[in-house]
Structure formats: structure tokens, C-alpha cells
C-alpha atoms as a PDB file:
ATOM      1  CA  MET A   1       5.450  42.865 -71.553  1.00  0.00           C
ATOM      2  CA  PHE A   2       7.588  44.921 -69.216  1.00  0.00           C
ATOM      3  CA  LYS A   3       7.969  43.632 -65.489  1.00  0.00           C
ATOM      4  CA  SER A   4       8.688  45.928 -62.510  1.00  0.00           C
ATOM      5  CA  LEU A   5      11.215  44.465 -60.104  1.00  0.00           C
ATOM      6  CA  TYR A   6      12.100  46.410 -56.519  1.00  0.00           C
ATOM      7  CA  VAL A   7      15.738  46.123 -56.130  1.00  0.00           C
ATOM      8  CA  GLY A   8      16.656  47.109 -52.005  1.00  0.00           C
ATOM      9  CA  ASN A   9      19.759  47.152 -49.534  1.00  0.00           C
ATOM     10  CA  LEU A  10      21.649  48.820 -52.683  1.00  0.00           C
ATOM     11  CA  PRO A  11      24.871  50.965 -51.616  1.00  0.00           C
ATOM     12  CA  PHE A  12      23.454  54.247 -51.023  1.00  0.00           C
ATOM     13  CA  ASP A  13      26.478  55.405 -53.822  1.00  0.00           C
ATOM     14  CA  VAL A  14      25.669  53.643 -56.737  1.00  0.00           C
ATOM     15  CA  VAL A  15      24.786  55.224 -59.750  1.00  0.00           C
ATOM     16  CA  GLU A  16      21.916  54.080 -62.359  1.00  0.00           C
ATOM     17  CA  LYS A  17      24.821  53.105 -65.170  1.00  0.00           C
ATOM     18  CA  GLU A  18      25.887  50.484 -62.539  1.00  0.00           C
ATOM     19  CA  ILE A  19      22.450  48.543 -61.936  1.00  0.00           C
ATOM     20  CA  ARG A  20      21.608  49.189 -65.612  1.00  0.00           C
ATOM     21  CA  ASP A  21      24.726  47.236 -66.375  1.00  0.00           C
ATOM     22  CA  MET A  22      24.370  44.185 -63.573  1.00  0.00           C
ATOM     23  CA  PHE A  23      20.405  43.654 -64.770  1.00  0.00           C
ATOM     24  CA  ALA A  24      21.732  44.061 -68.827  1.00  0.00           C
ATOM     25  CA  THR A  25      23.127  40.525 -68.158  1.00  0.00           C
ATOM     26  CA  TYR A  26      19.858  39.153 -68.262  1.00  0.00           C
ATOM     27  CA  GLY A  27      18.173  40.965 -70.849  1.00  0.00           C
ATOM     28  CA  ARG A  28      16.898  44.552 -72.140  1.00  0.00           C
ATOM     29  CA  VAL A  29      16.742  46.733 -69.461  1.00  0.00           C
ATOM     30  CA  ASN A  30      13.915  49.585 -70.212  1.00  0.00           C
ATOM     31  CA  SER A  31      14.333  51.786 -67.493  1.00  0.00           C
ATOM     32  CA  VAL A  32      15.655  52.068 -63.933  1.00  0.00           C
ATOM     33  CA  LYS A  33      14.752  54.501 -61.233  1.00  0.00           C
ATOM     34  CA  LEU A  34      16.918  55.314 -58.146  1.00  0.00           C
ATOM     35  CA  ILE A  35      14.322  56.352 -55.263  1.00  0.00           C
ATOM     36  CA  MET A  36      15.206  59.781 -53.692  1.00  0.00           C
ATOM     37  CA  ASP A  37      14.389  61.180 -50.567  1.00  0.00           C
ATOM     38  CA  ARG A  38      12.030  64.204 -50.890  1.00  0.00           C
ATOM     39  CA  GLU A  39      13.006  66.510 -48.065  1.00  0.00           C
ATOM     40  CA  THR A  40      17.239  65.533 -48.439  1.00  0.00           C
ATOM     41  CA  GLY A  41      17.477  64.853 -52.092  1.00  0.00           C
ATOM     42  CA  LYS A  42      19.693  61.800 -51.214  1.00  0.00           C
ATOM     43  CA  PHE A  43      19.346  58.234 -52.802  1.00  0.00           C
ATOM     44  CA  ARG A  44      16.973  56.068 -50.449  1.00  0.00           C
ATOM     45  CA  GLY A  45      18.937  52.326 -50.931  1.00  0.00           C
ATOM     46  CA  TYR A  46      16.579  51.407 -53.370  1.00  0.00           C
ATOM     47  CA  ALA A  47      15.000  51.432 -56.944  1.00  0.00           C
ATOM     48  CA  PHE A  48      13.199  49.822 -59.533  1.00  0.00           C
ATOM     49  CA  VAL A  49      14.277  47.918 -62.930  1.00  0.00           C
ATOM     50  CA  GLU A  50      11.877  47.295 -65.884  1.00  0.00           C
ATOM     51  CA  MET A  51      12.388  44.560 -67.830  1.00  0.00           C
ATOM     52  CA  GLU A  52      10.920  42.425 -70.319  1.00  0.00           C
ATOM     53  CA  ARG A  53       9.201  39.452 -68.095  1.00  0.00           C
ATOM     54  CA  GLU A  54      10.826  36.759 -69.326  1.00  0.00           C
ATOM     55  CA  ASP A  55      14.067  38.581 -68.634  1.00  0.00           C
ATOM     56  CA  ALA A  56      13.047  40.016 -64.833  1.00  0.00           C
ATOM     57  CA  PHE A  57      12.291  36.735 -63.760  1.00  0.00           C
ATOM     58  CA  THR A  58      15.677  35.543 -64.714  1.00  0.00           C
ATOM     59  CA  ALA A  59      17.239  38.245 -63.225  1.00  0.00           C
ATOM     60  CA  LEU A  60      15.224  38.188 -60.117  1.00  0.00           C
ATOM     61  CA  GLU A  61      16.314  34.545 -59.670  1.00  0.00           C
ATOM     62  CA  GLU A  62      19.508  35.403 -60.108  1.00  0.00           C
ATOM     63  CA  LEU A  63      20.468  38.452 -58.505  1.00  0.00           C
ATOM     64  CA  ASN A  64      18.054  38.466 -55.755  1.00  0.00           C
ATOM     65  CA  GLY A  65      20.869  37.425 -52.267  1.00  0.00           C
ATOM     66  CA  ALA A  66      23.963  38.426 -54.276  1.00  0.00           C
ATOM     67  CA  GLU A  67      26.413  40.489 -53.135  1.00  0.00           C
ATOM     68  CA  PHE A  68      26.369  43.905 -54.555  1.00  0.00           C
ATOM     69  CA  GLY A  69      29.439  46.881 -53.191  1.00  0.00           C
ATOM     70  CA  GLY A  70      29.427  45.224 -50.323  1.00  0.00           C
ATOM     71  CA  ARG A  71      25.673  44.621 -49.416  1.00  0.00           C
ATOM     72  CA  ILE A  72      23.424  41.773 -50.061  1.00  0.00           C
ATOM     73  CA  LEU A  73      20.824  42.547 -52.474  1.00  0.00           C
ATOM     74  CA  ARG A  74      16.989  42.233 -51.882  1.00  0.00           C
ATOM     75  CA  ILE A  75      15.038  41.792 -54.955  1.00  0.00           C
ATOM     76  CA  ASN A  76      11.052  41.013 -55.605  1.00  0.00           C
ATOM     77  CA  GLU A  77       8.597  41.609 -58.050  1.00  0.00           C
ATOM     78  CA  ALA A  78       7.044  45.268 -57.323  1.00  0.00           C
ATOM     79  CA  HIS A  79       3.865  45.894 -56.810  1.00  0.00           C
ATOM     80  CA  ASP A  80       2.044  49.080 -57.558  1.00  0.00           C
ATOM     81  CA  ASN A  81       0.203  49.820 -54.216  1.00  0.00           C
ATOM     82  CA  ARG A  82      -1.770  52.308 -55.543  1.00  0.00           C
ATOM     83  CA  SER A  83      -4.138  50.180 -57.220  1.00  0.00           C
ATOM     84  CA  PRO A  84      -6.971  47.904 -55.373  1.00  0.00           C
ATOM     85  CA  GLN A  85      -5.144  45.015 -56.440  1.00  0.00           C
ATOM     86  CA  GLY A  86      -1.530  46.073 -55.302  1.00  0.00           C
ATOM     87  CA  ASN A  87      -1.413  43.685 -52.403  1.00  0.00           C
ATOM     88  CA  ARG A  88      -2.071  40.748 -54.388  1.00  0.00           C
ATOM     89  CA  ARG A  89       0.094  38.156 -55.574  1.00  0.00           C
ATOM     90  CA  ARG A  90       0.623  38.770 -59.466  1.00  0.00           C
ATOM     91  CA  GLU A  91       1.372  35.567 -61.659  1.00  0.00           C
ATOM     92  CA  TRP A  92       4.514  35.880 -64.003  1.00  0.00           C
END
């Protein structure tokens, strides 16, 4: 089963391959989605990475607070805020 991670405080010049390579150290990356501003088309500084559950947990533990491109990464379990349960803490 896949797990989605929020990856924040990314450098604004990062590219998808850099994020994919960083997370691939911990397992197979299913997808990487860089979030762009709708009006300007510029990268907003965060992304979502989808990986196998166990690999995602390891990546979160290892990379949260790590330095990348001169910035300290903030990584959390991603939540779907559109669902009624979006604000509840989910178990791994």
C-alpha cells in the first residue's frame, strides 16, 4: 500500500528528479508531485511524494529536519483535507 508524504521547505529551484533521487534512497518512489502556483505557474516550495508505506515511514524519519539545498526539510504524513477524516491522525 502506498503512503503519501508532504515535503515542505524545498528550494524554489528544485526539480522532480532531485526529489525522486533523494527519496529513492529509502525505497521505490511511486510518484512525485511538485505544487505550482495557479496564477504565476511558479513552484510553491512543497511537494508530495508517494512510496510504499514502510519505505515512506523510513524516509520521513531520516529526512525530516535534514538539510537540502541550503534549507531544512519539513516532512509529514500527507492528509487528504477534502475527506471528512482528513484532519484525523492516521496510523501507519
